[in-house]
Amino acid sequence: LAFAASPGNAARALPTAVDIQPACLGLYCGRTVLSVNGSVETYGDCGVCPRGQRTDDNKICRECVGSPDRYDWLYLGFMAMLPLVLHWFFIEWYSGKKSSSALLQHLTALLECGVAAVVTLLLSDPAGSLHIRSCRVKKLSDWYTMLYNPSPDYITTVHCTHEAVYPLYTIVFIYYAFCLVLMMLLRPLLVKKIACGLGRSDRFKSIYAALYFFPILTVLQAVGGGLLYYAFPYIILVLSLVTLAVYMSASEVEFFKDLLVRKKRLVVLFSHWLLHAYGIISISKLDKLEQDLPLLALVPAPALFYLLTAKYTEPSRILSETGNGH
Protein backbone atom coordinates (compact mmCIF):
# COMPACT_ATOMS: atom_id res chain seq x y z
CA LEU A 1 0.00 0.00 0.00
CA ALA A 2 2.82 2.36 0.85
CA PHE A 3 4.46 1.59 -2.48
CA ALA A 4 1.24 2.30 -4.37
CA ALA A 5 0.57 5.50 -2.41
CA SER A 6 4.03 6.90 -3.07
CA PRO A 7 3.73 9.94 -5.42
CA GLY A 8 6.84 8.95 -7.36
CA ASN A 9 5.59 5.43 -7.98
CA ALA A 10 2.17 6.76 -9.05
CA ALA A 11 3.82 9.08 -11.56
CA ARG A 12 5.79 6.20 -13.02
CA ALA A 13 2.70 3.95 -13.23
CA LEU A 14 0.46 6.56 -14.86
CA PRO A 15 1.87 6.43 -18.44
CA THR A 16 1.53 2.67 -18.48
CA ALA A 17 -2.14 2.94 -17.63
CA VAL A 18 -2.72 5.64 -20.25
CA ASP A 19 -0.89 3.80 -23.03
CA ILE A 20 -3.08 0.72 -22.74
CA GLN A 21 -5.59 0.83 -25.61
CA PRO A 22 -7.80 -1.84 -27.08
CA ALA A 23 -6.32 -3.63 -30.05
CA CYS A 24 -7.17 -2.23 -33.50
CA LEU A 25 -8.61 -5.22 -35.30
CA GLY A 26 -8.91 -5.70 -39.01
CA LEU A 27 -6.36 -5.57 -41.77
CA TYR A 28 -7.15 -1.97 -42.78
CA CYS A 29 -8.53 -0.40 -39.59
CA GLY A 30 -6.40 2.33 -38.07
CA ARG A 31 -6.28 5.23 -35.65
CA THR A 32 -6.28 8.76 -36.97
CA VAL A 33 -3.80 11.27 -35.58
CA LEU A 34 -5.83 13.90 -33.70
CA SER A 35 -3.00 16.18 -32.61
CA VAL A 36 0.77 16.34 -32.55
CA ASN A 37 2.63 17.98 -29.66
CA GLY A 38 6.30 17.80 -30.44
CA SER A 39 7.09 14.09 -30.68
CA VAL A 40 3.89 13.06 -28.86
CA GLU A 41 0.87 12.12 -31.00
CA THR A 42 -2.71 11.76 -29.83
CA TYR A 43 -4.77 9.12 -31.63
CA GLY A 44 -8.48 8.67 -32.08
CA ASP A 45 -10.57 5.52 -31.98
CA CYS A 46 -9.91 2.59 -34.25
CA GLY A 47 -11.83 2.94 -37.49
CA VAL A 48 -11.65 3.96 -41.12
CA CYS A 49 -8.80 6.14 -42.31
CA PRO A 50 -9.67 9.43 -44.07
CA ARG A 51 -9.32 9.68 -47.84
CA GLY A 52 -5.72 10.05 -48.90
CA GLN A 53 -4.43 8.06 -45.92
CA ARG A 54 -3.74 4.42 -45.17
CA THR A 55 -2.54 2.45 -42.17
CA ASP A 56 1.10 1.83 -41.43
CA ASP A 57 2.59 -1.18 -39.64
CA ASN A 58 1.48 0.23 -36.26
CA LYS A 59 -2.18 0.63 -37.33
CA ILE A 60 -1.84 4.42 -37.50
CA CYS A 61 -3.42 6.30 -40.41
CA ARG A 62 -0.67 8.08 -42.31
CA GLU A 63 -1.07 10.49 -45.21
CA CYS A 64 -0.03 9.25 -48.64
CA VAL A 65 3.02 11.32 -49.55
CA GLY A 66 4.59 9.14 -52.23
CA SER A 67 4.20 9.35 -55.99
CA PRO A 68 3.18 6.64 -58.46
CA ASP A 69 6.03 4.52 -59.71
CA ARG A 70 6.58 3.58 -63.34
CA TYR A 71 4.29 0.55 -63.20
CA ASP A 72 1.49 2.64 -61.65
CA TRP A 73 1.71 5.17 -64.49
CA LEU A 74 1.67 2.36 -67.03
CA TYR A 75 -1.49 0.99 -65.39
CA LEU A 76 -3.15 4.41 -65.50
CA GLY A 77 -2.10 4.71 -69.14
CA PHE A 78 -3.74 1.38 -69.90
CA MET A 79 -6.99 2.41 -68.23
CA ALA A 80 -6.87 5.70 -70.15
CA MET A 81 -6.36 3.88 -73.46
CA LEU A 82 -9.34 1.57 -73.05
CA PRO A 83 -12.07 4.14 -73.89
CA LEU A 84 -9.94 5.65 -76.67
CA VAL A 85 -9.38 2.29 -78.37
CA LEU A 86 -13.07 1.45 -78.04
CA HIS A 87 -14.00 4.85 -79.49
CA TRP A 88 -11.76 4.24 -82.49
CA PHE A 89 -13.09 0.73 -82.98
CA PHE A 90 -16.76 1.73 -83.03
CA ILE A 91 -16.08 4.83 -85.13
CA GLU A 92 -14.39 2.65 -87.72
CA TRP A 93 -17.08 -0.03 -87.42
CA TYR A 94 -20.00 2.33 -88.05
CA SER A 95 -18.37 4.90 -90.33
CA GLY A 96 -18.50 2.71 -93.43
CA LYS A 97 -16.25 2.81 -96.47
CA LYS A 98 -18.06 5.76 -98.07
CA SER A 99 -17.76 8.09 -95.11
CA SER A 100 -14.98 10.66 -95.08
CA SER A 101 -15.64 11.72 -91.49
CA ALA A 102 -13.91 8.81 -89.75
CA LEU A 103 -10.55 10.58 -89.47
CA LEU A 104 -12.06 13.69 -87.88
CA GLN A 105 -14.02 11.54 -85.45
CA HIS A 106 -10.83 9.67 -84.53
CA LEU A 107 -9.07 12.95 -83.84
CA THR A 108 -12.03 14.21 -81.82
CA ALA A 109 -12.02 11.06 -79.68
CA LEU A 110 -8.28 11.53 -79.10
CA LEU A 111 -8.90 15.15 -78.09
CA GLU A 112 -11.69 14.14 -75.70
CA CYS A 113 -9.61 11.51 -73.92
CA GLY A 114 -6.50 13.70 -73.84
CA VAL A 115 -8.31 16.68 -72.33
CA ALA A 116 -10.08 14.41 -69.84
CA ALA A 117 -6.74 12.95 -68.72
CA VAL A 118 -5.13 16.37 -68.24
CA VAL A 119 -8.15 17.76 -66.35
CA THR A 120 -8.23 14.69 -64.10
CA LEU A 121 -4.56 15.08 -63.20
CA LEU A 122 -4.94 18.81 -62.57
CA LEU A 123 -7.85 18.22 -60.19
CA SER A 124 -6.07 15.45 -58.28
CA ASP A 125 -4.09 16.21 -55.15
CA PRO A 126 -1.97 18.35 -55.35
CA ALA A 127 -4.43 20.42 -57.39
CA GLY A 128 -3.08 22.36 -60.33
CA SER A 129 -0.19 20.01 -60.98
CA LEU A 130 0.25 17.05 -63.31
CA HIS A 131 1.92 15.19 -60.45
CA ILE A 132 -0.18 13.22 -57.98
CA ARG A 133 0.54 11.84 -54.54
CA SER A 134 -0.32 8.23 -53.91
CA CYS A 135 -0.05 5.29 -51.57
CA ARG A 136 2.07 2.33 -52.54
CA VAL A 137 0.29 -0.83 -53.67
CA LYS A 138 1.57 -3.67 -51.51
CA LYS A 139 -0.74 -6.59 -52.34
CA LEU A 140 -3.96 -7.49 -54.12
CA SER A 141 -6.11 -7.06 -51.01
CA ASP A 142 -5.28 -3.32 -50.98
CA TRP A 143 -7.79 -2.93 -53.82
CA TYR A 144 -10.61 -4.67 -51.92
CA THR A 145 -10.58 -3.27 -48.40
CA MET A 146 -14.37 -3.68 -48.19
CA LEU A 147 -13.82 -7.44 -47.90
CA TYR A 148 -11.72 -7.10 -44.74
CA ASN A 149 -14.04 -5.27 -42.32
CA PRO A 150 -13.65 -7.04 -38.94
CA SER A 151 -16.48 -8.33 -36.76
CA PRO A 152 -15.02 -8.57 -33.22
CA ASP A 153 -18.14 -10.11 -31.65
CA TYR A 154 -19.43 -11.70 -34.89
CA ILE A 155 -22.41 -9.33 -34.65
CA THR A 156 -21.16 -5.77 -35.04
CA THR A 157 -19.04 -4.99 -38.10
CA VAL A 158 -16.40 -2.28 -37.91
CA HIS A 159 -16.41 -0.60 -41.32
CA CYS A 160 -12.87 0.31 -42.31
CA THR A 161 -13.29 0.48 -46.08
CA HIS A 162 -11.06 3.15 -47.60
CA GLU A 163 -8.91 3.63 -50.68
CA ALA A 164 -5.67 2.00 -49.62
CA VAL A 165 -4.28 2.41 -53.15
CA TYR A 166 -5.14 6.13 -53.30
CA PRO A 167 -5.76 7.47 -55.92
CA LEU A 168 -5.34 4.62 -58.41
CA TYR A 169 -8.86 3.33 -57.81
CA THR A 170 -11.01 6.47 -57.89
CA ILE A 171 -8.98 8.49 -60.40
CA VAL A 172 -10.10 6.11 -63.16
CA PHE A 173 -13.77 6.81 -62.40
CA ILE A 174 -13.13 10.56 -62.52
CA TYR A 175 -11.37 10.19 -65.86
CA TYR A 176 -14.25 8.17 -67.34
CA ALA A 177 -16.74 10.79 -66.15
CA PHE A 178 -14.84 13.59 -67.90
CA CYS A 179 -14.51 11.46 -71.06
CA LEU A 180 -18.26 10.93 -71.13
CA VAL A 181 -19.07 14.60 -70.53
CA LEU A 182 -16.66 15.82 -73.22
CA MET A 183 -17.97 13.27 -75.68
CA MET A 184 -21.55 14.43 -75.14
CA LEU A 185 -20.49 18.05 -75.61
CA LEU A 186 -18.29 17.70 -78.70
CA ARG A 187 -19.10 14.58 -80.69
CA PRO A 188 -22.80 15.10 -81.52
CA LEU A 189 -22.12 18.53 -83.04
CA LEU A 190 -19.21 17.20 -85.07
CA VAL A 191 -21.04 14.13 -86.31
CA LYS A 192 -24.11 16.15 -87.26
CA LYS A 193 -22.05 18.49 -89.45
CA ILE A 194 -19.53 16.20 -91.16
CA ALA A 195 -21.00 12.69 -91.21
CA CYS A 196 -22.74 13.29 -94.50
CA GLY A 197 -21.81 9.91 -95.94
CA LEU A 198 -23.87 8.09 -93.32
CA GLY A 199 -27.58 7.70 -92.91
CA ARG A 200 -29.44 9.65 -90.26
CA SER A 201 -29.76 6.56 -88.06
CA ASP A 202 -26.15 5.42 -88.48
CA ARG A 203 -24.21 8.60 -87.85
CA PHE A 204 -24.74 8.53 -84.07
CA LYS A 205 -24.18 4.80 -83.54
CA SER A 206 -20.58 5.27 -82.38
CA ILE A 207 -21.87 7.63 -79.67
CA TYR A 208 -24.59 5.17 -78.66
CA ALA A 209 -21.92 2.47 -78.39
CA ALA A 210 -19.94 4.66 -75.99
CA LEU A 211 -23.02 5.02 -73.80
CA TYR A 212 -22.89 1.23 -73.43
CA PHE A 213 -19.18 0.60 -72.97
CA PHE A 214 -18.54 3.40 -70.44
CA PRO A 215 -20.80 1.75 -67.80
CA ILE A 216 -19.16 -1.57 -68.61
CA LEU A 217 -15.70 -0.07 -68.10
CA THR A 218 -16.86 1.50 -64.83
CA VAL A 219 -18.12 -1.83 -63.48
CA LEU A 220 -14.94 -3.52 -64.70
CA GLN A 221 -12.81 -1.06 -62.75
CA ALA A 222 -15.02 -1.29 -59.66
CA VAL A 223 -14.97 -5.08 -59.53
CA GLY A 224 -11.71 -6.05 -61.20
CA GLY A 225 -9.45 -3.05 -60.69
CA GLY A 226 -6.96 -5.00 -58.61
CA LEU A 227 -6.89 -7.91 -61.04
CA LEU A 228 -6.38 -5.54 -63.97
CA TYR A 229 -3.53 -3.86 -62.10
CA TYR A 230 -1.53 -7.09 -62.06
CA ALA A 231 -2.72 -8.60 -65.35
CA PHE A 232 -2.96 -5.67 -67.78
CA PRO A 233 0.47 -6.22 -69.45
CA TYR A 234 -0.49 -9.76 -70.43
CA ILE A 235 -3.98 -8.63 -71.49
CA ILE A 236 -2.39 -6.09 -73.84
CA LEU A 237 -0.08 -8.69 -75.38
CA VAL A 238 -2.82 -11.25 -75.95
CA LEU A 239 -5.36 -8.77 -77.33
CA SER A 240 -2.83 -7.10 -79.62
CA LEU A 241 -1.84 -10.47 -81.10
CA VAL A 242 -5.42 -11.71 -81.51
CA THR A 243 -6.80 -8.49 -82.98
CA LEU A 244 -3.85 -8.14 -85.38
CA ALA A 245 -4.37 -11.67 -86.68
CA VAL A 246 -8.12 -11.15 -87.05
CA TYR A 247 -7.68 -7.83 -88.85
CA MET A 248 -5.06 -9.12 -91.27
CA SER A 249 -7.13 -12.20 -91.97
CA ALA A 250 -10.34 -10.22 -92.51
CA SER A 251 -8.51 -7.73 -94.74
CA GLU A 252 -6.91 -10.60 -96.68
CA VAL A 253 -3.39 -9.29 -96.12
CA GLU A 254 -1.00 -11.96 -97.37
CA PHE A 255 2.05 -10.10 -98.66
CA PHE A 256 4.00 -6.96 -97.79
CA LYS A 257 2.70 -5.24 -100.90
CA ASP A 258 -0.86 -5.62 -99.55
CA LEU A 259 0.12 -3.36 -96.66
CA LEU A 260 1.58 -0.72 -98.94
CA VAL A 261 -1.51 -0.51 -101.16
CA ARG A 262 -3.63 1.11 -98.45
CA LYS A 263 -2.15 3.46 -95.86
CA LYS A 264 -4.95 2.58 -93.45
CA ARG A 265 -3.53 -0.93 -93.09
CA LEU A 266 -0.14 0.48 -92.18
CA VAL A 267 -1.72 2.70 -89.53
CA VAL A 268 -3.50 -0.29 -88.01
CA LEU A 269 -0.27 -2.32 -88.11
CA PHE A 270 1.77 0.39 -86.38
CA SER A 271 -0.98 0.85 -83.78
CA HIS A 272 -0.79 -2.83 -82.90
CA TRP A 273 2.98 -2.60 -82.72
CA LEU A 274 2.70 0.29 -80.25
CA LEU A 275 0.31 -1.72 -78.08
CA HIS A 276 2.61 -4.72 -78.23
CA ALA A 277 5.59 -2.57 -77.21
CA TYR A 278 3.50 -1.08 -74.37
CA GLY A 279 2.76 -4.56 -73.06
CA ILE A 280 6.43 -5.59 -73.19
CA ILE A 281 7.47 -2.40 -71.38
CA SER A 282 4.79 -2.97 -68.73
CA ILE A 283 6.00 -6.49 -68.04
CA SER A 284 9.71 -5.67 -67.94
CA LYS A 285 9.21 -2.21 -66.32
CA LEU A 286 12.55 -1.34 -67.98
CA ASP A 287 14.34 -1.91 -64.69
CA LYS A 288 17.44 -3.11 -66.52
CA LEU A 289 17.73 -1.29 -69.83
CA GLU A 290 20.51 -3.47 -71.21
CA GLN A 291 18.31 -6.56 -70.79
CA ASP A 292 14.83 -5.14 -71.43
CA LEU A 293 15.35 -2.88 -74.46
CA PRO A 294 16.36 -5.77 -76.79
CA LEU A 295 12.94 -7.32 -76.08
CA LEU A 296 11.35 -4.52 -78.11
CA ALA A 297 12.93 -6.07 -81.20
CA LEU A 298 10.26 -8.79 -80.88
CA VAL A 299 7.44 -6.32 -81.56
CA PRO A 300 7.28 -6.91 -85.36
CA ALA A 301 7.74 -10.69 -84.99
CA PRO A 302 4.02 -11.70 -84.93
CA ALA A 303 3.19 -9.64 -88.03
CA LEU A 304 6.22 -10.94 -89.92
CA PHE A 305 5.36 -14.51 -88.95
CA TYR A 306 1.80 -14.03 -90.21
CA LEU A 307 2.91 -12.55 -93.53
CA LEU A 308 5.47 -15.30 -94.11
CA THR A 309 3.06 -18.13 -93.34
CA ALA A 310 -0.30 -16.74 -94.58
CA LYS A 311 0.05 -18.21 -98.09
CA TYR A 312 0.50 -21.70 -96.63
CA THR A 313 -2.66 -21.49 -94.50
CA GLU A 314 -5.08 -20.02 -97.04
CA PRO A 315 -8.38 -21.96 -96.71
CA SER A 316 -9.00 -22.20 -100.48
CA ARG A 317 -5.55 -23.68 -101.03
CA ILE A 318 -6.00 -26.21 -98.26
CA LEU A 319 -9.42 -27.25 -99.61
CA SER A 320 -8.07 -27.60 -103.18
CA GLU A 321 -5.16 -29.73 -102.05
CA THR A 322 -7.48 -31.90 -99.97
CA GLY A 323 -9.78 -32.34 -102.96
CA ASN A 324 -6.90 -33.26 -105.24
CA GLY A 325 -5.70 -35.77 -102.72
CA HIS A 326 -9.06 -37.52 -102.75
Foldseek 3Di string as FASTA:
>chain_A
DVQCPDPVNVVVCVVVVVPDDDDQDWPWWAWEFPDDDPPDTDTDDTAAADAQWTQDPRRYTDGQAAFDDLLLVLLVVLLLCVLLVLLLVLLVVLLDPQAPCSVVSNVLLVVQSVVLLQCLCCCEPVHRDNTHGWADDDDLCLLPRQVTFDDPPVPDTGGHDYNNGPPSQCSSVSSLVSSLVSCVVPVVVSLVPRSPVDDPVRSCVSVVVSVPVSVVSNVCSSPPVSVCSVCVLVVLQVVLLVVLVVVCVVQVPQAPVSCVVDVVSVVSLVVSLVSNLSSLCSVVVCPDVVPRVVVSVCSCVSVVVCNVCVVVPPPVVVVVVVVVVD
